Amino acid sequence: MSVAARLQSLGITLPPVAVPAAAYVPFVQTGSLVFLSGHIAKKDGKPWVGQLGLTMGTEEGKAAARAIAIDLLGTLQAACGDLDRVVRIVKVMSLVNSAPTFTEQHLVTNGCSELLAEVFGPEVGAHARSAFGVAQIPLGACVEIELIAELKA
């Protein structure tokens, strides 16, 4: 099944690439690797603001990370033209806006990781990953995630 067919079966429509909010580009390709800039969580088109362990729980954070995965897929599609060109999701790095006592950043990040595995399958979608708790994210967003993927020539 193609990636487009999997997305359709999941009821997911990919968004266009967001215009950068600062001095960076949405993605850079070097050789067969494409590096996607960090994407912040958005809800209803606006930053999904919150701090895990203070104003948000793990399940809401996980939903925010899943929403970011959809945005990342839209950017990845713009970078490669066809998501079936993705050989492997190589690495995901997640920053979770966390209260000092919050320790479930890995569970929040699963919202992104699980969707990537569902869309690409376990061989292509399984990836290395880091999940960090941070004191703040731009615009007060609850989660920010960046991604590295390998593409077919």
N, C-alpha and C. Protein backbone atom coordinates (compact mmCIF):
# COMPACT_ATOMS: atom_id res chain seq x y z
N MET A 1 0.85 -1.17 0.00
CA MET A 1 0.00 0.00 0.00
C MET A 1 0.90 1.25 0.00
N SER A 2 0.57 2.22 -0.83
CA SER A 2 1.36 3.44 -0.90
C SER A 2 1.16 4.27 0.37
N VAL A 3 2.10 5.17 0.62
CA VAL A 3 1.98 6.06 1.77
C VAL A 3 0.73 6.92 1.63
N ALA A 4 0.47 7.41 0.42
CA ALA A 4 -0.73 8.23 0.19
C ALA A 4 -2.00 7.45 0.53
N ALA A 5 -2.04 6.18 0.17
CA ALA A 5 -3.22 5.35 0.48
C ALA A 5 -3.35 5.14 1.99
N ARG A 6 -2.22 4.94 2.68
CA ARG A 6 -2.28 4.78 4.14
C ARG A 6 -2.80 6.06 4.80
N LEU A 7 -2.30 7.20 4.33
CA LEU A 7 -2.77 8.48 4.89
C LEU A 7 -4.27 8.64 4.67
N GLN A 8 -4.72 8.30 3.46
CA GLN A 8 -6.13 8.41 3.15
C GLN A 8 -6.96 7.49 4.05
N SER A 9 -6.48 6.28 4.26
CA SER A 9 -7.21 5.33 5.10
C SER A 9 -7.27 5.81 6.56
N LEU A 10 -6.30 6.61 6.96
CA LEU A 10 -6.28 7.16 8.32
C LEU A 10 -7.05 8.48 8.41
N GLY A 11 -7.56 8.95 7.26
CA GLY A 11 -8.29 10.21 7.24
C GLY A 11 -7.41 11.43 7.41
N ILE A 12 -6.14 11.31 7.01
CA ILE A 12 -5.18 12.40 7.18
C ILE A 12 -4.94 13.12 5.86
N THR A 13 -5.13 14.42 5.87
CA THR A 13 -4.78 15.29 4.75
C THR A 13 -3.57 16.10 5.18
N LEU A 14 -2.53 16.06 4.38
CA LEU A 14 -1.30 16.76 4.75
C LEU A 14 -1.43 18.26 4.50
N PRO A 15 -0.93 19.05 5.43
CA PRO A 15 -0.97 20.51 5.26
C PRO A 15 0.16 20.97 4.36
N PRO A 16 0.05 22.19 3.83
CA PRO A 16 1.18 22.76 3.09
C PRO A 16 2.30 23.09 4.06
N VAL A 17 3.47 23.33 3.52
CA VAL A 17 4.63 23.71 4.34
C VAL A 17 4.35 25.06 4.99
N ALA A 18 4.58 25.14 6.28
CA ALA A 18 4.38 26.40 7.01
C ALA A 18 5.50 27.37 6.65
N VAL A 19 5.15 28.63 6.61
CA VAL A 19 6.15 29.68 6.37
C VAL A 19 6.99 29.81 7.64
N PRO A 20 8.33 29.78 7.52
CA PRO A 20 9.18 29.90 8.70
C PRO A 20 8.90 31.20 9.47
N ALA A 21 8.93 31.10 10.79
CA ALA A 21 8.66 32.24 11.66
C ALA A 21 9.93 33.00 12.04
N ALA A 22 11.07 32.55 11.56
CA ALA A 22 12.35 33.19 11.89
C ALA A 22 13.33 32.95 10.74
N ALA A 23 14.61 33.10 11.01
CA ALA A 23 15.64 33.03 9.97
C ALA A 23 16.11 31.58 9.77
N TYR A 24 15.28 30.78 9.11
CA TYR A 24 15.63 29.39 8.79
C TYR A 24 14.78 28.94 7.62
N VAL A 25 15.08 27.76 7.10
CA VAL A 25 14.28 27.16 6.03
C VAL A 25 13.59 25.92 6.59
N PRO A 26 12.47 25.50 5.98
CA PRO A 26 11.72 24.36 6.53
C PRO A 26 12.46 23.03 6.44
N PHE A 27 13.33 22.89 5.43
CA PHE A 27 14.08 21.65 5.28
C PHE A 27 15.34 21.91 4.47
N VAL A 28 16.32 21.01 4.63
CA VAL A 28 17.55 21.04 3.86
C VAL A 28 17.86 19.60 3.48
N GLN A 29 18.18 19.39 2.21
CA GLN A 29 18.60 18.06 1.77
C GLN A 29 20.08 18.09 1.46
N THR A 30 20.79 17.07 1.92
CA THR A 30 22.19 16.88 1.57
C THR A 30 22.36 15.40 1.27
N GLY A 31 22.78 15.10 0.06
CA GLY A 31 22.85 13.71 -0.36
C GLY A 31 21.47 13.09 -0.29
N SER A 32 21.38 11.91 0.34
CA SER A 32 20.09 11.23 0.43
C SER A 32 19.32 11.57 1.71
N LEU A 33 19.90 12.44 2.53
CA LEU A 33 19.23 12.79 3.79
C LEU A 33 18.52 14.13 3.68
N VAL A 34 17.34 14.21 4.28
CA VAL A 34 16.62 15.47 4.37
C VAL A 34 16.38 15.74 5.85
N PHE A 35 16.74 16.97 6.25
CA PHE A 35 16.62 17.42 7.63
C PHE A 35 15.46 18.41 7.71
N LEU A 36 14.46 18.10 8.52
CA LEU A 36 13.31 18.99 8.70
C LEU A 36 13.51 19.81 9.95
N SER A 37 13.33 21.12 9.82
CA SER A 37 13.41 22.02 10.98
C SER A 37 12.34 21.64 11.99
N GLY A 38 12.56 22.09 13.22
CA GLY A 38 11.59 21.83 14.27
C GLY A 38 10.23 22.41 13.94
N HIS A 39 9.19 21.64 14.19
CA HIS A 39 7.80 22.06 14.01
C HIS A 39 7.16 22.12 15.40
N ILE A 40 6.49 23.23 15.70
CA ILE A 40 5.81 23.31 16.99
C ILE A 40 4.38 22.78 16.84
N ALA A 41 3.84 22.35 17.96
CA ALA A 41 2.46 21.86 17.98
C ALA A 41 1.51 23.02 17.71
N LYS A 42 0.51 22.73 16.87
CA LYS A 42 -0.53 23.73 16.57
C LYS A 42 -1.89 23.09 16.76
N LYS A 43 -2.83 23.92 17.21
CA LYS A 43 -4.21 23.50 17.38
C LYS A 43 -5.07 24.61 16.80
N ASP A 44 -5.91 24.26 15.86
CA ASP A 44 -6.75 25.24 15.17
C ASP A 44 -5.91 26.34 14.52
N GLY A 45 -4.74 25.95 14.00
CA GLY A 45 -3.89 26.88 13.27
C GLY A 45 -3.04 27.81 14.13
N LYS A 46 -3.13 27.66 15.45
CA LYS A 46 -2.37 28.52 16.36
C LYS A 46 -1.48 27.65 17.23
N PRO A 47 -0.39 28.23 17.80
CA PRO A 47 0.45 27.42 18.68
C PRO A 47 -0.36 26.74 19.77
N TRP A 48 -0.10 25.46 19.97
CA TRP A 48 -0.75 24.67 21.02
C TRP A 48 0.06 24.92 22.29
N VAL A 49 -0.40 25.87 23.07
CA VAL A 49 0.33 26.36 24.23
C VAL A 49 0.05 25.50 25.45
N GLY A 50 1.10 25.26 26.23
CA GLY A 50 0.93 24.53 27.48
C GLY A 50 2.24 23.98 27.99
N GLN A 51 2.23 23.59 29.22
CA GLN A 51 3.40 22.99 29.84
C GLN A 51 2.99 21.65 30.45
N LEU A 52 3.63 20.59 30.01
CA LEU A 52 3.32 19.25 30.49
C LEU A 52 3.62 19.15 31.97
N GLY A 53 2.69 18.57 32.70
CA GLY A 53 2.84 18.42 34.13
C GLY A 53 2.37 19.64 34.92
N LEU A 54 1.97 20.70 34.21
CA LEU A 54 1.44 21.88 34.89
C LEU A 54 0.05 22.23 34.35
N THR A 55 -0.03 22.49 33.04
CA THR A 55 -1.33 22.85 32.45
C THR A 55 -1.85 21.78 31.50
N MET A 56 -1.06 20.74 31.26
CA MET A 56 -1.43 19.66 30.34
C MET A 56 -0.99 18.32 30.89
N GLY A 57 -1.74 17.28 30.50
CA GLY A 57 -1.35 15.92 30.85
C GLY A 57 -0.68 15.21 29.69
N THR A 58 -0.18 14.04 29.96
CA THR A 58 0.55 13.25 28.97
C THR A 58 -0.28 12.96 27.73
N GLU A 59 -1.54 12.58 27.89
CA GLU A 59 -2.37 12.23 26.72
C GLU A 59 -2.58 13.42 25.79
N GLU A 60 -2.79 14.61 26.35
CA GLU A 60 -2.93 15.80 25.50
C GLU A 60 -1.61 16.11 24.80
N GLY A 61 -0.51 15.95 25.51
CA GLY A 61 0.81 16.14 24.90
C GLY A 61 1.05 15.16 23.77
N LYS A 62 0.61 13.92 23.97
CA LYS A 62 0.75 12.90 22.94
C LYS A 62 -0.06 13.28 21.69
N ALA A 63 -1.26 13.82 21.90
CA ALA A 63 -2.08 14.28 20.77
C ALA A 63 -1.39 15.43 20.05
N ALA A 64 -0.73 16.31 20.79
CA ALA A 64 0.01 17.43 20.19
C ALA A 64 1.17 16.89 19.34
N ALA A 65 1.87 15.89 19.85
CA ALA A 65 2.99 15.29 19.11
C ALA A 65 2.49 14.61 17.84
N ARG A 66 1.33 13.99 17.90
CA ARG A 66 0.73 13.37 16.70
C ARG A 66 0.40 14.45 15.66
N ALA A 67 -0.13 15.57 16.12
CA ALA A 67 -0.44 16.68 15.21
C ALA A 67 0.84 17.20 14.55
N ILE A 68 1.92 17.26 15.30
CA ILE A 68 3.20 17.68 14.72
C ILE A 68 3.65 16.69 13.66
N ALA A 69 3.47 15.40 13.91
CA ALA A 69 3.87 14.39 12.92
C ALA A 69 3.17 14.63 11.59
N ILE A 70 1.91 15.02 11.63
CA ILE A 70 1.18 15.31 10.39
C ILE A 70 1.78 16.51 9.69
N ASP A 71 2.12 17.55 10.45
CA ASP A 71 2.78 18.72 9.86
C ASP A 71 4.15 18.34 9.28
N LEU A 72 4.90 17.52 10.01
CA LEU A 72 6.21 17.07 9.51
C LEU A 72 6.06 16.30 8.20
N LEU A 73 5.03 15.46 8.10
CA LEU A 73 4.80 14.71 6.86
C LEU A 73 4.49 15.64 5.70
N GLY A 74 3.76 16.72 5.96
CA GLY A 74 3.50 17.70 4.91
C GLY A 74 4.78 18.35 4.42
N THR A 75 5.67 18.68 5.34
CA THR A 75 6.95 19.27 4.97
C THR A 75 7.83 18.24 4.26
N LEU A 76 7.83 17.01 4.74
CA LEU A 76 8.62 15.96 4.10
C LEU A 76 8.14 15.71 2.68
N GLN A 77 6.83 15.73 2.48
CA GLN A 77 6.30 15.56 1.13
C GLN A 77 6.76 16.71 0.22
N ALA A 78 6.77 17.93 0.73
CA ALA A 78 7.26 19.07 -0.05
C ALA A 78 8.74 18.90 -0.37
N ALA A 79 9.49 18.33 0.54
CA ALA A 79 10.93 18.16 0.35
C ALA A 79 11.25 17.09 -0.69
N CYS A 80 10.45 16.02 -0.72
CA CYS A 80 10.81 14.89 -1.60
C CYS A 80 9.84 14.68 -2.76
N GLY A 81 8.70 15.36 -2.75
CA GLY A 81 7.74 15.24 -3.85
C GLY A 81 6.80 14.07 -3.74
N ASP A 82 7.25 12.97 -3.16
CA ASP A 82 6.45 11.75 -3.06
C ASP A 82 6.94 10.98 -1.84
N LEU A 83 6.08 10.79 -0.86
CA LEU A 83 6.50 10.12 0.38
C LEU A 83 6.91 8.67 0.18
N ASP A 84 6.58 8.09 -0.98
CA ASP A 84 7.06 6.74 -1.26
C ASP A 84 8.57 6.72 -1.55
N ARG A 85 9.18 7.89 -1.69
CA ARG A 85 10.64 7.98 -1.86
C ARG A 85 11.38 7.84 -0.53
N VAL A 86 10.65 7.87 0.59
CA VAL A 86 11.29 7.77 1.90
C VAL A 86 11.75 6.33 2.12
N VAL A 87 13.06 6.16 2.29
CA VAL A 87 13.67 4.85 2.56
C VAL A 87 13.59 4.54 4.05
N ARG A 88 13.76 5.59 4.87
CA ARG A 88 13.79 5.39 6.32
C ARG A 88 13.58 6.72 7.03
N ILE A 89 12.78 6.69 8.07
CA ILE A 89 12.76 7.79 9.03
C ILE A 89 13.96 7.48 9.94
N VAL A 90 14.95 8.33 9.89
CA VAL A 90 16.21 8.04 10.58
C VAL A 90 16.17 8.46 12.04
N LYS A 91 15.71 9.69 12.29
CA LYS A 91 15.80 10.22 13.66
C LYS A 91 14.70 11.24 13.90
N VAL A 92 14.15 11.20 15.09
CA VAL A 92 13.19 12.19 15.57
C VAL A 92 13.76 12.77 16.86
N MET A 93 13.74 14.10 16.96
CA MET A 93 14.12 14.75 18.21
C MET A 93 12.96 15.59 18.70
N SER A 94 12.56 15.36 19.94
CA SER A 94 11.39 15.99 20.51
C SER A 94 11.76 16.83 21.73
N LEU A 95 11.24 18.05 21.76
CA LEU A 95 11.39 18.93 22.91
C LEU A 95 10.01 19.11 23.52
N VAL A 96 9.89 18.80 24.79
CA VAL A 96 8.61 18.85 25.48
C VAL A 96 8.68 19.94 26.55
N ASN A 97 7.82 20.93 26.43
CA ASN A 97 7.74 22.02 27.40
C ASN A 97 7.24 21.40 28.70
N SER A 98 8.13 21.29 29.70
CA SER A 98 7.84 20.47 30.87
C SER A 98 8.03 21.20 32.19
N ALA A 99 7.13 20.94 33.12
CA ALA A 99 7.34 21.35 34.50
C ALA A 99 8.52 20.55 35.04
N PRO A 100 9.22 21.07 36.04
CA PRO A 100 10.42 20.38 36.55
C PRO A 100 10.19 18.94 37.00
N THR A 101 8.98 18.60 37.44
CA THR A 101 8.73 17.24 37.94
C THR A 101 8.17 16.30 36.87
N PHE A 102 7.90 16.81 35.66
CA PHE A 102 7.33 15.96 34.60
C PHE A 102 8.40 15.06 34.02
N THR A 103 8.12 13.75 33.93
CA THR A 103 9.12 12.79 33.45
C THR A 103 8.61 11.87 32.34
N GLU A 104 7.52 12.25 31.68
CA GLU A 104 6.95 11.38 30.65
C GLU A 104 7.13 11.94 29.24
N GLN A 105 8.25 12.62 29.00
CA GLN A 105 8.52 13.18 27.67
C GLN A 105 8.51 12.07 26.62
N HIS A 106 9.02 10.90 26.96
CA HIS A 106 9.07 9.78 26.02
C HIS A 106 7.66 9.33 25.63
N LEU A 107 6.72 9.38 26.55
CA LEU A 107 5.35 8.98 26.25
C LEU A 107 4.64 10.03 25.39
N VAL A 108 4.93 11.30 25.63
CA VAL A 108 4.40 12.37 24.78
C VAL A 108 4.89 12.17 23.35
N THR A 109 6.18 11.94 23.19
CA THR A 109 6.79 11.80 21.88
C THR A 109 6.27 10.59 21.12
N ASN A 110 5.76 9.59 21.84
CA ASN A 110 5.15 8.44 21.17
C ASN A 110 4.04 8.84 20.22
N GLY A 111 3.37 9.96 20.48
CA GLY A 111 2.32 10.42 19.57
C GLY A 111 2.83 10.62 18.16
N CYS A 112 4.06 11.11 18.03
CA CYS A 112 4.70 11.28 16.73
C CYS A 112 5.22 9.93 16.22
N SER A 113 5.98 9.25 17.05
CA SER A 113 6.62 8.00 16.63
C SER A 113 5.62 6.94 16.18
N GLU A 114 4.53 6.81 16.91
CA GLU A 114 3.53 5.80 16.56
C GLU A 114 2.86 6.11 15.22
N LEU A 115 2.60 7.39 14.96
CA LEU A 115 1.99 7.73 13.67
C LEU A 115 2.96 7.47 12.52
N LEU A 116 4.23 7.81 12.70
CA LEU A 116 5.21 7.55 11.64
C LEU A 116 5.30 6.07 11.32
N ALA A 117 5.28 5.23 12.35
CA ALA A 117 5.32 3.78 12.12
C ALA A 117 4.05 3.29 11.43
N GLU A 118 2.92 3.89 11.77
CA GLU A 118 1.65 3.50 11.15
C GLU A 118 1.62 3.90 9.68
N VAL A 119 2.14 5.07 9.37
CA VAL A 119 2.12 5.57 7.99
C VAL A 119 3.13 4.85 7.11
N PHE A 120 4.34 4.67 7.60
CA PHE A 120 5.41 4.10 6.78
C PHE A 120 5.63 2.60 6.99
N GLY A 121 5.05 2.04 8.03
CA GLY A 121 5.30 0.64 8.35
C GLY A 121 6.53 0.53 9.23
N PRO A 122 6.73 -0.63 9.88
CA PRO A 122 7.82 -0.77 10.84
C PRO A 122 9.22 -0.72 10.23
N GLU A 123 9.37 -1.16 9.01
CA GLU A 123 10.71 -1.17 8.39
C GLU A 123 11.20 0.23 8.08
N VAL A 124 10.33 1.09 7.61
CA VAL A 124 10.70 2.45 7.20
C VAL A 124 10.45 3.45 8.33
N GLY A 125 9.38 3.25 9.08
CA GLY A 125 8.97 4.23 10.07
C GLY A 125 9.66 4.16 11.42
N ALA A 126 10.23 2.99 11.77
CA ALA A 126 10.95 2.88 13.04
C ALA A 126 12.21 3.74 12.98
N HIS A 127 12.51 4.44 14.05
CA HIS A 127 13.59 5.43 13.99
C HIS A 127 14.30 5.56 15.34
N ALA A 128 15.50 6.12 15.28
CA ALA A 128 16.19 6.53 16.50
C ALA A 128 15.48 7.78 17.02
N ARG A 129 15.61 8.04 18.33
CA ARG A 129 14.83 9.15 18.87
C ARG A 129 15.44 9.68 20.15
N SER A 130 15.23 10.97 20.36
CA SER A 130 15.54 11.62 21.63
C SER A 130 14.31 12.41 22.05
N ALA A 131 14.04 12.43 23.34
CA ALA A 131 12.92 13.22 23.87
C ALA A 131 13.43 13.96 25.11
N PHE A 132 13.37 15.27 25.05
CA PHE A 132 13.90 16.11 26.12
C PHE A 132 12.80 16.93 26.76
N GLY A 133 12.92 17.15 28.06
CA GLY A 133 12.08 18.12 28.75
C GLY A 133 12.82 19.44 28.77
N VAL A 134 12.14 20.51 28.38
CA VAL A 134 12.76 21.83 28.34
C VAL A 134 11.90 22.83 29.10
N ALA A 135 12.53 23.93 29.49
CA ALA A 135 11.85 24.95 30.29
C ALA A 135 10.85 25.76 29.49
N GLN A 136 11.07 25.89 28.18
CA GLN A 136 10.16 26.67 27.35
C GLN A 136 10.46 26.38 25.88
N ILE A 137 9.46 26.59 25.05
CA ILE A 137 9.56 26.41 23.60
C ILE A 137 9.03 27.70 22.97
N PRO A 138 9.52 28.09 21.77
CA PRO A 138 9.02 29.32 21.16
C PRO A 138 7.49 29.39 21.15
N LEU A 139 6.99 30.57 21.41
CA LEU A 139 5.57 30.90 21.41
C LEU A 139 4.78 30.17 22.50
N GLY A 140 5.50 29.55 23.43
CA GLY A 140 4.85 28.83 24.52
C GLY A 140 4.29 27.48 24.13
N ALA A 141 4.65 26.99 22.93
CA ALA A 141 4.14 25.71 22.45
C ALA A 141 4.49 24.59 23.42
N CYS A 142 3.64 23.57 23.45
CA CYS A 142 3.85 22.45 24.37
C CYS A 142 4.90 21.45 23.89
N VAL A 143 5.04 21.30 22.57
CA VAL A 143 5.98 20.33 22.01
C VAL A 143 6.55 20.89 20.71
N GLU A 144 7.83 20.58 20.44
CA GLU A 144 8.47 20.86 19.16
C GLU A 144 9.22 19.60 18.75
N ILE A 145 9.11 19.24 17.46
CA ILE A 145 9.78 18.02 16.98
C ILE A 145 10.45 18.30 15.65
N GLU A 146 11.66 17.76 15.49
CA GLU A 146 12.36 17.81 14.20
C GLU A 146 12.60 16.37 13.74
N LEU A 147 12.91 16.21 12.46
CA LEU A 147 12.99 14.88 11.86
C LEU A 147 14.09 14.82 10.80
N ILE A 148 14.73 13.68 10.70
CA ILE A 148 15.69 13.39 9.63
C ILE A 148 15.19 12.14 8.90
N ALA A 149 15.16 12.21 7.56
CA ALA A 149 14.73 11.06 6.75
C ALA A 149 15.73 10.80 5.64
N GLU A 150 15.81 9.54 5.24
CA GLU A 150 16.62 9.13 4.10
C GLU A 150 15.70 8.91 2.90
N LEU A 151 16.12 9.41 1.73
CA LEU A 151 15.30 9.31 0.52
C LEU A 151 15.97 8.44 -0.53
N LYS A 152 15.14 7.81 -1.37
CA LYS A 152 15.64 7.13 -2.56
C LYS A 152 16.10 8.19 -3.54
N ALA A 153 17.07 7.82 -4.36
CA ALA A 153 17.58 8.76 -5.37
C ALA A 153 16.53 9.04 -6.42
